[in-house]
Amino acid sequence: MIFHCEFSSERGPNLLRFLRNRDRNANKDNYPALFYPELYLLEGGYKVFYEAQKEFCDPQNYTPMLHRDYADDLKHFRAKSKSWAGEKGDKGARPGFRPLKF
């Protein structure tokens, strides 16, 4: 499985670590077994890959994350991302979730 984001500097590596940690936890009784033994991070991110291997990309154009045509979308989803991560309000609570009670 190959992880990437535009530059493979934040989102891609974070998601790769998240999946690896989940995989390790799921297989803690069977160490070193993993469901996903081969996880890779695209060096330089999609931007570098596109510049070097354009023929493998579909569509055949590259739009940077910070492109002015998508500034409103980026602003919207960055705000959503912060609220999903619990950066607003109570740091210990997860928005939209409540503890299970038995």
PDB file of N, CA and C in Angstrom:
ATOM      1  N   MET A   1       0.852  -1.143   0.000  1.00  0.00           N
ATOM      2  CA  MET A   1       0.000   0.000   0.000  1.00  0.00           C
ATOM      3  C   MET A   1       0.914   1.226   0.000  1.00  0.00           C
ATOM      4  N   ILE A   2       0.595   2.182  -0.840  1.00  0.00           N
ATOM      5  CA  ILE A   2       1.417   3.387  -0.970  1.00  0.00           C
ATOM      6  C   ILE A   2       0.631   4.590  -0.460  1.00  0.00           C
ATOM      7  N   PHE A   3       1.232   5.321   0.465  1.00  0.00           N
ATOM      8  CA  PHE A   3       0.621   6.520   1.018  1.00  0.00           C
ATOM      9  C   PHE A   3       1.301   7.735   0.415  1.00  0.00           C
ATOM     10  N   HIS A   4       0.526   8.794   0.225  1.00  0.00           N
ATOM     11  CA  HIS A   4       1.090  10.041  -0.285  1.00  0.00           C
ATOM     12  C   HIS A   4       0.132  11.176  -0.005  1.00  0.00           C
ATOM     13  N   CYS A   5       0.663  12.356  -0.057  1.00  0.00           N
ATOM     14  CA  CYS A   5      -0.123  13.581  -0.131  1.00  0.00           C
ATOM     15  C   CYS A   5       0.648  14.451  -1.124  1.00  0.00           C
ATOM     16  N   GLU A   6       0.387  15.712  -1.187  1.00  0.00           N
ATOM     17  CA  GLU A   6       1.050  16.509  -2.223  1.00  0.00           C
ATOM     18  C   GLU A   6       2.575  16.440  -2.110  1.00  0.00           C
ATOM     19  N   PHE A   7       3.095  16.536  -0.883  1.00  0.00           N
ATOM     20  CA  PHE A   7       4.547  16.522  -0.690  1.00  0.00           C
ATOM     21  C   PHE A   7       5.023  15.340   0.154  1.00  0.00           C
ATOM     22  N   SER A   8       4.115  14.495   0.627  1.00  0.00           N
ATOM     23  CA  SER A   8       4.436  13.380   1.531  1.00  0.00           C
ATOM     24  C   SER A   8       5.209  13.865   2.754  1.00  0.00           C
ATOM     25  N   SER A   9       4.755  14.991   3.297  1.00  0.00           N
ATOM     26  CA  SER A   9       5.436  15.536   4.465  1.00  0.00           C
ATOM     27  C   SER A   9       4.570  15.524   5.717  1.00  0.00           C
ATOM     28  N   GLU A  10       3.251  15.453   5.577  1.00  0.00           N
ATOM     29  CA  GLU A  10       2.408  15.487   6.766  1.00  0.00           C
ATOM     30  C   GLU A  10       1.285  14.460   6.711  1.00  0.00           C
ATOM     31  N   ARG A  11       0.316  14.666   5.851  1.00  0.00           N
ATOM     32  CA  ARG A  11      -0.852  13.779   5.839  1.00  0.00           C
ATOM     33  C   ARG A  11      -0.504  12.346   5.479  1.00  0.00           C
ATOM     34  N   GLY A  12       0.286  12.150   4.435  1.00  0.00           N
ATOM     35  CA  GLY A  12       0.680  10.797   4.031  1.00  0.00           C
ATOM     36  C   GLY A  12       1.408  10.052   5.135  1.00  0.00           C
ATOM     37  N   PRO A  13       2.483  10.639   5.699  1.00  0.00           N
ATOM     38  CA  PRO A  13       3.196   9.958   6.778  1.00  0.00           C
ATOM     39  C   PRO A  13       2.331   9.711   8.013  1.00  0.00           C
ATOM     40  N   ASN A  14       1.469  10.675   8.343  1.00  0.00           N
ATOM     41  CA  ASN A  14       0.598  10.495   9.513  1.00  0.00           C
ATOM     42  C   ASN A  14      -0.361   9.326   9.319  1.00  0.00           C
ATOM     43  N   LEU A  15      -0.941   9.220   8.144  1.00  0.00           N
ATOM     44  CA  LEU A  15      -1.874   8.126   7.882  1.00  0.00           C
ATOM     45  C   LEU A  15      -1.147   6.786   7.843  1.00  0.00           C
ATOM     46  N   LEU A  16       0.048   6.763   7.282  1.00  0.00           N
ATOM     47  CA  LEU A  16       0.843   5.535   7.274  1.00  0.00           C
ATOM     48  C   LEU A  16       1.123   5.078   8.707  1.00  0.00           C
ATOM     49  N   ARG A  17       1.572   5.999   9.573  1.00  0.00           N
ATOM     50  CA  ARG A  17       1.838   5.648  10.978  1.00  0.00           C
ATOM     51  C   ARG A  17       0.571   5.185  11.684  1.00  0.00           C
ATOM     52  N   PHE A  18      -0.546   5.850  11.403  1.00  0.00           N
ATOM     53  CA  PHE A  18      -1.816   5.468  12.015  1.00  0.00           C
ATOM     54  C   PHE A  18      -2.171   4.021  11.660  1.00  0.00           C
ATOM     55  N   LEU A  19      -2.089   3.692  10.364  1.00  0.00           N
ATOM     56  CA  LEU A  19      -2.426   2.333   9.943  1.00  0.00           C
ATOM     57  C   LEU A  19      -1.445   1.320  10.523  1.00  0.00           C
ATOM     58  N   ARG A  20      -0.153   1.645  10.529  1.00  0.00           N
ATOM     59  CA  ARG A  20       0.835   0.721  11.089  1.00  0.00           C
ATOM     60  C   ARG A  20       0.548   0.465  12.574  1.00  0.00           C
ATOM     61  N   ASN A  21       0.218   1.514  13.327  1.00  0.00           N
ATOM     62  CA  ASN A  21      -0.104   1.345  14.750  1.00  0.00           C
ATOM     63  C   ASN A  21      -1.349   0.491  14.945  1.00  0.00           C
ATOM     64  N   ARG A  22      -2.368   0.739  14.142  1.00  0.00           N
ATOM     65  CA  ARG A  22      -3.594  -0.075  14.232  1.00  0.00           C
ATOM     66  C   ARG A  22      -3.296  -1.528  13.896  1.00  0.00           C
ATOM     67  N   ASP A  23      -2.483  -1.752  12.877  1.00  0.00           N
ATOM     68  CA  ASP A  23      -2.110  -3.095  12.452  1.00  0.00           C
ATOM     69  C   ASP A  23      -1.315  -3.799  13.554  1.00  0.00           C
ATOM     70  N   ARG A  24      -0.364  -3.092  14.163  1.00  0.00           N
ATOM     71  CA  ARG A  24       0.418  -3.682  15.263  1.00  0.00           C
ATOM     72  C   ARG A  24      -0.495  -4.056  16.429  1.00  0.00           C
ATOM     73  N   ASN A  25      -1.418  -3.160  16.781  1.00  0.00           N
ATOM     74  CA  ASN A  25      -2.347  -3.450  17.884  1.00  0.00           C
ATOM     75  C   ASN A  25      -3.234  -4.646  17.571  1.00  0.00           C
ATOM     76  N   ALA A  26      -3.703  -4.740  16.346  1.00  0.00           N
ATOM     77  CA  ALA A  26      -4.577  -5.854  15.959  1.00  0.00           C
ATOM     78  C   ALA A  26      -3.829  -7.183  15.974  1.00  0.00           C
ATOM     79  N   ASN A  27      -2.526  -7.135  15.817  1.00  0.00           N
ATOM     80  CA  ASN A  27      -1.719  -8.358  15.751  1.00  0.00           C
ATOM     81  C   ASN A  27      -0.736  -8.488  16.913  1.00  0.00           C
ATOM     82  N   LYS A  28      -1.026  -7.815  18.027  1.00  0.00           N
ATOM     83  CA  LYS A  28      -0.073  -7.823  19.140  1.00  0.00           C
ATOM     84  C   LYS A  28       0.183  -9.223  19.691  1.00  0.00           C
ATOM     85  N   ASP A  29      -0.785 -10.124  19.576  1.00  0.00           N
ATOM     86  CA  ASP A  29      -0.598 -11.493  20.061  1.00  0.00           C
ATOM     87  C   ASP A  29       0.117 -12.381  19.047  1.00  0.00           C
ATOM     88  N   ASN A  30       0.333 -11.867  17.840  1.00  0.00           N
ATOM     89  CA  ASN A  30       0.978 -12.643  16.774  1.00  0.00           C
ATOM     90  C   ASN A  30       2.224 -11.959  16.224  1.00  0.00           C
ATOM     91  N   TYR A  31       2.870 -11.125  17.046  1.00  0.00           N
ATOM     92  CA  TYR A  31       4.047 -10.387  16.589  1.00  0.00           C
ATOM     93  C   TYR A  31       5.061 -11.337  15.976  1.00  0.00           C
ATOM     94  N   PRO A  32       5.645 -11.039  14.843  1.00  0.00           N
ATOM     95  CA  PRO A  32       5.611  -9.785  14.074  1.00  0.00           C
ATOM     96  C   PRO A  32       4.600  -9.791  12.933  1.00  0.00           C
ATOM     97  N   ALA A  33       3.611 -10.672  12.973  1.00  0.00           N
ATOM     98  CA  ALA A  33       2.616 -10.752  11.893  1.00  0.00           C
ATOM     99  C   ALA A  33       1.874  -9.423  11.732  1.00  0.00           C
ATOM    100  N   LEU A  34       1.533  -9.100  10.487  1.00  0.00           N
ATOM    101  CA  LEU A  34       0.789  -7.887  10.150  1.00  0.00           C
ATOM    102  C   LEU A  34      -0.203  -8.192   9.039  1.00  0.00           C
ATOM    103  N   PHE A  35      -1.324  -7.461   9.026  1.00  0.00           N
ATOM    104  CA  PHE A  35      -2.253  -7.554   7.900  1.00  0.00           C
ATOM    105  C   PHE A  35      -1.674  -6.827   6.685  1.00  0.00           C
ATOM    106  N   TYR A  36      -0.933  -5.747   6.948  1.00  0.00           N
ATOM    107  CA  TYR A  36      -0.338  -4.927   5.887  1.00  0.00           C
ATOM    108  C   TYR A  36       1.179  -4.870   6.092  1.00  0.00           C
ATOM    109  N   PRO A  37       1.900  -5.916   5.714  1.00  0.00           N
ATOM    110  CA  PRO A  37       3.343  -5.943   5.970  1.00  0.00           C
ATOM    111  C   PRO A  37       4.142  -4.948   5.127  1.00  0.00           C
ATOM    112  N   GLU A  38       3.604  -4.536   4.000  1.00  0.00           N
ATOM    113  CA  GLU A  38       4.342  -3.615   3.135  1.00  0.00           C
ATOM    114  C   GLU A  38       3.580  -2.304   2.981  1.00  0.00           C
ATOM    115  N   LEU A  39       4.036  -1.291   3.715  1.00  0.00           N
ATOM    116  CA  LEU A  39       3.496   0.055   3.620  1.00  0.00           C
ATOM    117  C   LEU A  39       4.621   0.955   3.130  1.00  0.00           C
ATOM    118  N   TYR A  40       4.306   1.807   2.169  1.00  0.00           N
ATOM    119  CA  TYR A  40       5.317   2.679   1.579  1.00  0.00           C
ATOM    120  C   TYR A  40       4.825   4.117   1.572  1.00  0.00           C
ATOM    121  N   LEU A  41       5.781   5.036   1.653  1.00  0.00           N
ATOM    122  CA  LEU A  41       5.500   6.458   1.541  1.00  0.00           C
ATOM    123  C   LEU A  41       6.130   6.947   0.241  1.00  0.00           C
ATOM    124  N   LEU A  42       5.342   7.593  -0.593  1.00  0.00           N
ATOM    125  CA  LEU A  42       5.824   8.091  -1.881  1.00  0.00           C
ATOM    126  C   LEU A  42       6.786   9.256  -1.637  1.00  0.00           C
ATOM    127  N   GLU A  43       8.072   9.020  -1.867  1.00  0.00           N
ATOM    128  CA  GLU A  43       9.093  10.033  -1.603  1.00  0.00           C
ATOM    129  C   GLU A  43       8.852  11.275  -2.453  1.00  0.00           C
ATOM    130  N   GLY A  44       8.802  12.420  -1.791  1.00  0.00           N
ATOM    131  CA  GLY A  44       8.574  13.680  -2.493  1.00  0.00           C
ATOM    132  C   GLY A  44       7.107  13.975  -2.744  1.00  0.00           C
ATOM    133  N   GLY A  45       6.239  13.005  -2.492  1.00  0.00           N
ATOM    134  CA  GLY A  45       4.809  13.200  -2.661  1.00  0.00           C
ATOM    135  C   GLY A  45       4.341  13.103  -4.105  1.00  0.00           C
ATOM    136  N   TYR A  46       3.047  13.345  -4.274  1.00  0.00           N
ATOM    137  CA  TYR A  46       2.446  13.240  -5.599  1.00  0.00           C
ATOM    138  C   TYR A  46       3.038  14.260  -6.565  1.00  0.00           C
ATOM    139  N   LYS A  47       3.397  15.435  -6.056  1.00  0.00           N
ATOM    140  CA  LYS A  47       3.955  16.480  -6.919  1.00  0.00           C
ATOM    141  C   LYS A  47       5.204  15.979  -7.646  1.00  0.00           C
ATOM    142  N   VAL A  48       6.137  15.395  -6.914  1.00  0.00           N
ATOM    143  CA  VAL A  48       7.379  14.896  -7.518  1.00  0.00           C
ATOM    144  C   VAL A  48       7.085  13.711  -8.437  1.00  0.00           C
ATOM    145  N   PHE A  49       6.184  12.821  -7.995  1.00  0.00           N
ATOM    146  CA  PHE A  49       5.832  11.675  -8.831  1.00  0.00           C
ATOM    147  C   PHE A  49       5.240  12.147 -10.155  1.00  0.00           C
ATOM    148  N   TYR A  50       4.323  13.105 -10.093  1.00  0.00           N
ATOM    149  CA  TYR A  50       3.692  13.619 -11.312  1.00  0.00           C
ATOM    150  C   TYR A  50       4.726  14.233 -12.257  1.00  0.00           C
ATOM    151  N   GLU A  51       5.667  14.992 -11.694  1.00  0.00           N
ATOM    152  CA  GLU A  51       6.691  15.625 -12.534  1.00  0.00           C
ATOM    153  C   GLU A  51       7.563  14.582 -13.238  1.00  0.00           C
ATOM    154  N   ALA A  52       7.817  13.456 -12.561  1.00  0.00           N
ATOM    155  CA  ALA A  52       8.716  12.440 -13.120  1.00  0.00           C
ATOM    156  C   ALA A  52       7.997  11.364 -13.933  1.00  0.00           C
ATOM    157  N   GLN A  53       6.733  11.098 -13.606  1.00  0.00           N
ATOM    158  CA  GLN A  53       6.022   9.961 -14.204  1.00  0.00           C
ATOM    159  C   GLN A  53       4.628  10.356 -14.698  1.00  0.00           C
ATOM    160  N   LYS A  54       4.524  11.476 -15.328  1.00  0.00           N
ATOM    161  CA  LYS A  54       3.237  12.015 -15.776  1.00  0.00           C
ATOM    162  C   LYS A  54       2.403  11.001 -16.561  1.00  0.00           C
ATOM    163  N   GLU A  55       3.051  10.146 -17.351  1.00  0.00           N
ATOM    164  CA  GLU A  55       2.315   9.196 -18.197  1.00  0.00           C
ATOM    165  C   GLU A  55       1.500   8.189 -17.385  1.00  0.00           C
ATOM    166  N   PHE A  56       1.831   8.016 -16.105  1.00  0.00           N
ATOM    167  CA  PHE A  56       1.084   7.080 -15.260  1.00  0.00           C
ATOM    168  C   PHE A  56      -0.049   7.760 -14.498  1.00  0.00           C
ATOM    169  N   CYS A  57      -0.226   9.046 -14.700  1.00  0.00           N
ATOM    170  CA  CYS A  57      -1.214   9.817 -13.945  1.00  0.00           C
ATOM    171  C   CYS A  57      -2.466  10.081 -14.774  1.00  0.00           C
ATOM    172  N   ASP A  58      -3.577   9.985 -14.122  1.00  0.00           N
ATOM    173  CA  ASP A  58      -4.859  10.269 -14.752  1.00  0.00           C
ATOM    174  C   ASP A  58      -5.696  11.047 -13.747  1.00  0.00           C
ATOM    175  N   PRO A  59      -6.054  12.278 -14.046  1.00  0.00           N
ATOM    176  CA  PRO A  59      -5.938  12.981 -15.320  1.00  0.00           C
ATOM    177  C   PRO A  59      -4.504  13.459 -15.563  1.00  0.00           C
ATOM    178  N   GLN A  60      -4.260  13.897 -16.773  1.00  0.00           N
ATOM    179  CA  GLN A  60      -2.937  14.340 -17.198  1.00  0.00           C
ATOM    180  C   GLN A  60      -2.700  15.816 -16.876  1.00  0.00           C
ATOM    181  N   ASN A  61      -3.076  16.225 -15.703  1.00  0.00           N
ATOM    182  CA  ASN A  61      -2.766  17.579 -15.247  1.00  0.00           C
ATOM    183  C   ASN A  61      -2.577  17.535 -13.733  1.00  0.00           C
ATOM    184  N   TYR A  62      -1.916  18.539 -13.203  1.00  0.00           N
ATOM    185  CA  TYR A  62      -1.613  18.599 -11.779  1.00  0.00           C
ATOM    186  C   TYR A  62      -2.103  19.928 -11.239  1.00  0.00           C
ATOM    187  N   THR A  63      -2.917  19.876 -10.205  1.00  0.00           N
ATOM    188  CA  THR A  63      -3.413  21.078  -9.560  1.00  0.00           C
ATOM    189  C   THR A  63      -2.896  21.095  -8.130  1.00  0.00           C
ATOM    190  N   PRO A  64      -2.088  22.083  -7.765  1.00  0.00           N
ATOM    191  CA  PRO A  64      -1.566  22.143  -6.397  1.00  0.00           C
ATOM    192  C   PRO A  64      -2.683  22.320  -5.371  1.00  0.00           C
ATOM    193  N   MET A  65      -2.447  21.822  -4.180  1.00  0.00           N
ATOM    194  CA  MET A  65      -3.424  21.922  -3.102  1.00  0.00           C
ATOM    195  C   MET A  65      -3.786  23.387  -2.825  1.00  0.00           C
ATOM    196  N   LEU A  66      -2.836  24.291  -2.971  1.00  0.00           N
ATOM    197  CA  LEU A  66      -3.073  25.702  -2.661  1.00  0.00           C
ATOM    198  C   LEU A  66      -3.541  26.518  -3.866  1.00  0.00           C
ATOM    199  N   HIS A  67      -4.011  25.865  -4.908  1.00  0.00           N
ATOM    200  CA  HIS A  67      -4.488  26.558  -6.111  1.00  0.00           C
ATOM    201  C   HIS A  67      -5.628  27.503  -5.736  1.00  0.00           C
ATOM    202  N   ARG A  68      -5.601  28.707  -6.292  1.00  0.00           N
ATOM    203  CA  ARG A  68      -6.590  29.734  -5.930  1.00  0.00           C
ATOM    204  C   ARG A  68      -8.027  29.311  -6.229  1.00  0.00           C
ATOM    205  N   ASP A  69      -8.249  28.474  -7.236  1.00  0.00           N
ATOM    206  CA  ASP A  69      -9.607  28.041  -7.575  1.00  0.00           C
ATOM    207  C   ASP A  69     -10.232  27.176  -6.480  1.00  0.00           C
ATOM    208  N   TYR A  70      -9.397  26.641  -5.597  1.00  0.00           N
ATOM    209  CA  TYR A  70      -9.901  25.737  -4.559  1.00  0.00           C
ATOM    210  C   TYR A  70      -9.653  26.268  -3.156  1.00  0.00           C
ATOM    211  N   ALA A  71      -9.367  27.565  -3.038  1.00  0.00           N
ATOM    212  CA  ALA A  71      -9.067  28.174  -1.739  1.00  0.00           C
ATOM    213  C   ALA A  71     -10.231  28.023  -0.763  1.00  0.00           C
ATOM    214  N   ASP A  72     -11.465  28.215  -1.242  1.00  0.00           N
ATOM    215  CA  ASP A  72     -12.627  28.085  -0.356  1.00  0.00           C
ATOM    216  C   ASP A  72     -12.798  26.648   0.126  1.00  0.00           C
ATOM    217  N   ASP A  73     -12.593  25.679  -0.766  1.00  0.00           N
ATOM    218  CA  ASP A  73     -12.684  24.268  -0.367  1.00  0.00           C
ATOM    219  C   ASP A  73     -11.628  23.936   0.677  1.00  0.00           C
ATOM    220  N   LEU A  74     -10.408  24.402   0.464  1.00  0.00           N
ATOM    221  CA  LEU A  74      -9.328  24.126   1.399  1.00  0.00           C
ATOM    222  C   LEU A  74      -9.641  24.722   2.769  1.00  0.00           C
ATOM    223  N   LYS A  75     -10.113  25.951   2.781  1.00  0.00           N
ATOM    224  CA  LYS A  75     -10.470  26.609   4.041  1.00  0.00           C
ATOM    225  C   LYS A  75     -11.569  25.824   4.760  1.00  0.00           C
ATOM    226  N   HIS A  76     -12.575  25.404   4.031  1.00  0.00           N
ATOM    227  CA  HIS A  76     -13.688  24.645   4.597  1.00  0.00           C
ATOM    228  C   HIS A  76     -13.205  23.331   5.216  1.00  0.00           C
ATOM    229  N   PHE A  77     -12.421  22.563   4.464  1.00  0.00           N
ATOM    230  CA  PHE A  77     -12.009  21.251   4.955  1.00  0.00           C
ATOM    231  C   PHE A  77     -10.930  21.330   6.022  1.00  0.00           C
ATOM    232  N   ARG A  78     -10.124  22.383   6.013  1.00  0.00           N
ATOM    233  CA  ARG A  78      -9.173  22.560   7.119  1.00  0.00           C
ATOM    234  C   ARG A  78      -9.931  22.838   8.410  1.00  0.00           C
ATOM    235  N   ALA A  79     -10.987  23.640   8.338  1.00  0.00           N
ATOM    236  CA  ALA A  79     -11.803  23.899   9.528  1.00  0.00           C
ATOM    237  C   ALA A  79     -12.473  22.611   9.991  1.00  0.00           C
ATOM    238  N   LYS A  80     -12.994  21.818   9.058  1.00  0.00           N
ATOM    239  CA  LYS A  80     -13.612  20.530   9.404  1.00  0.00           C
ATOM    240  C   LYS A  80     -12.581  19.606  10.033  1.00  0.00           C
ATOM    241  N   SER A  81     -11.402  19.570   9.460  1.00  0.00           N
ATOM    242  CA  SER A  81     -10.343  18.696   9.966  1.00  0.00           C
ATOM    243  C   SER A  81     -10.012  19.038  11.411  1.00  0.00           C
ATOM    244  N   LYS A  82      -9.933  20.320  11.729  1.00  0.00           N
ATOM    245  CA  LYS A  82      -9.641  20.735  13.104  1.00  0.00           C
ATOM    246  C   LYS A  82     -10.758  20.331  14.044  1.00  0.00           C
ATOM    247  N   SER A  83     -12.009  20.462  13.609  1.00  0.00           N
ATOM    248  CA  SER A  83     -13.117  20.085  14.489  1.00  0.00           C
ATOM    249  C   SER A  83     -13.192  18.571  14.649  1.00  0.00           C
ATOM    250  N   TRP A  84     -12.900  17.814  13.589  1.00  0.00           N
ATOM    251  CA  TRP A  84     -12.897  16.352  13.688  1.00  0.00           C
ATOM    252  C   TRP A  84     -11.797  15.874  14.623  1.00  0.00           C
ATOM    253  N   ALA A  85     -10.664  16.591  14.633  1.00  0.00           N
ATOM    254  CA  ALA A  85      -9.524  16.193  15.465  1.00  0.00           C
ATOM    255  C   ALA A  85      -9.686  16.664  16.903  1.00  0.00           C
ATOM    256  N   GLY A  86     -10.759  17.413  17.175  1.00  0.00           N
ATOM    257  CA  GLY A  86     -10.995  17.854  18.539  1.00  0.00           C
ATOM    258  C   GLY A  86     -10.180  19.065  18.936  1.00  0.00           C
ATOM    259  N   GLU A  87      -9.728  19.856  17.980  1.00  0.00           N
ATOM    260  CA  GLU A  87      -8.914  21.012  18.303  1.00  0.00           C
ATOM    261  C   GLU A  87      -9.747  22.191  18.800  1.00  0.00           C
ATOM    262  N   LYS A  88     -11.035  22.113  18.662  1.00  0.00           N
ATOM    263  CA  LYS A  88     -11.901  23.166  19.170  1.00  0.00           C
ATOM    264  C   LYS A  88     -12.623  22.632  20.401  1.00  0.00           C
ATOM    265  N   GLY A  89     -12.759  23.472  21.394  1.00  0.00           N
ATOM    266  CA  GLY A  89     -13.505  23.047  22.578  1.00  0.00           C
ATOM    267  C   GLY A  89     -12.700  22.107  23.451  1.00  0.00           C
ATOM    268  N   ASP A  90     -13.393  21.139  24.053  1.00  0.00           N
ATOM    269  CA  ASP A  90     -12.790  20.193  24.984  1.00  0.00           C
ATOM    270  C   ASP A  90     -11.777  19.317  24.271  1.00  0.00           C
ATOM    271  N   LYS A  91     -10.525  19.368  24.702  1.00  0.00           N
ATOM    272  CA  LYS A  91      -9.461  18.596  24.046  1.00  0.00           C
ATOM    273  C   LYS A  91      -9.645  17.103  24.244  1.00  0.00           C
ATOM    274  N   GLY A  92     -10.359  16.674  25.291  1.00  0.00           N
ATOM    275  CA  GLY A  92     -10.524  15.251  25.551  1.00  0.00           C
ATOM    276  C   GLY A  92     -11.719  14.636  24.847  1.00  0.00           C
ATOM    277  N   ALA A  93     -12.623  15.445  24.360  1.00  0.00           N
ATOM    278  CA  ALA A  93     -13.845  14.921  23.735  1.00  0.00           C
ATOM    279  C   ALA A  93     -13.668  14.815  22.229  1.00  0.00           C
ATOM    280  N   ARG A  94     -14.362  13.870  21.645  1.00  0.00           N
ATOM    281  CA  ARG A  94     -14.365  13.741  20.183  1.00  0.00           C
ATOM    282  C   ARG A  94     -15.724  14.204  19.693  1.00  0.00           C
ATOM    283  N   PRO A  95     -15.762  15.256  18.889  1.00  0.00           N
ATOM    284  CA  PRO A  95     -17.044  15.771  18.408  1.00  0.00           C
ATOM    285  C   PRO A  95     -17.852  14.697  17.691  1.00  0.00           C
ATOM    286  N   GLY A  96     -19.133  14.636  18.022  1.00  0.00           N
ATOM    287  CA  GLY A  96     -20.005  13.671  17.364  1.00  0.00           C
ATOM    288  C   GLY A  96     -19.956  12.286  17.978  1.00  0.00           C
ATOM    289  N   PHE A  97     -19.174  12.103  19.014  1.00  0.00           N
ATOM    290  CA  PHE A  97     -19.067  10.798  19.656  1.00  0.00           C
ATOM    291  C   PHE A  97     -19.407  10.927  21.137  1.00  0.00           C
ATOM    292  N   ARG A  98     -19.948   9.888  21.699  1.00  0.00           N
ATOM    293  CA  ARG A  98     -20.158   9.852  23.145  1.00  0.00           C
ATOM    294  C   ARG A  98     -19.751   8.470  23.633  1.00  0.00           C
ATOM    295  N   PRO A  99     -19.348   8.369  24.882  1.00  0.00           N
ATOM    296  CA  PRO A  99     -18.888   7.074  25.376  1.00  0.00           C
ATOM    297  C   PRO A  99     -20.012   6.049  25.408  1.00  0.00           C
ATOM    298  N   LEU A 100     -19.667   4.801  25.174  1.00  0.00           N
ATOM    299  CA  LEU A 100     -20.642   3.712  25.290  1.00  0.00           C
ATOM    300  C   LEU A 100     -20.865   3.398  26.752  1.00  0.00           C
ATOM    301  N   LYS A 101     -22.092   3.198  27.116  1.00  0.00           N
ATOM    302  CA  LYS A 101     -22.408   2.841  28.503  1.00  0.00           C
ATOM    303  C   LYS A 101     -23.072   1.484  28.508  1.00  0.00           C
ATOM    304  N   PHE A 102     -22.602   0.621  29.382  1.00  0.00           N
ATOM    305  CA  PHE A 102     -23.166  -0.725  29.486  1.00  0.00           C
ATOM    306  C   PHE A 102     -23.902  -0.895  30.779  1.00  0.00           C
TER     307      PHE A 102
END
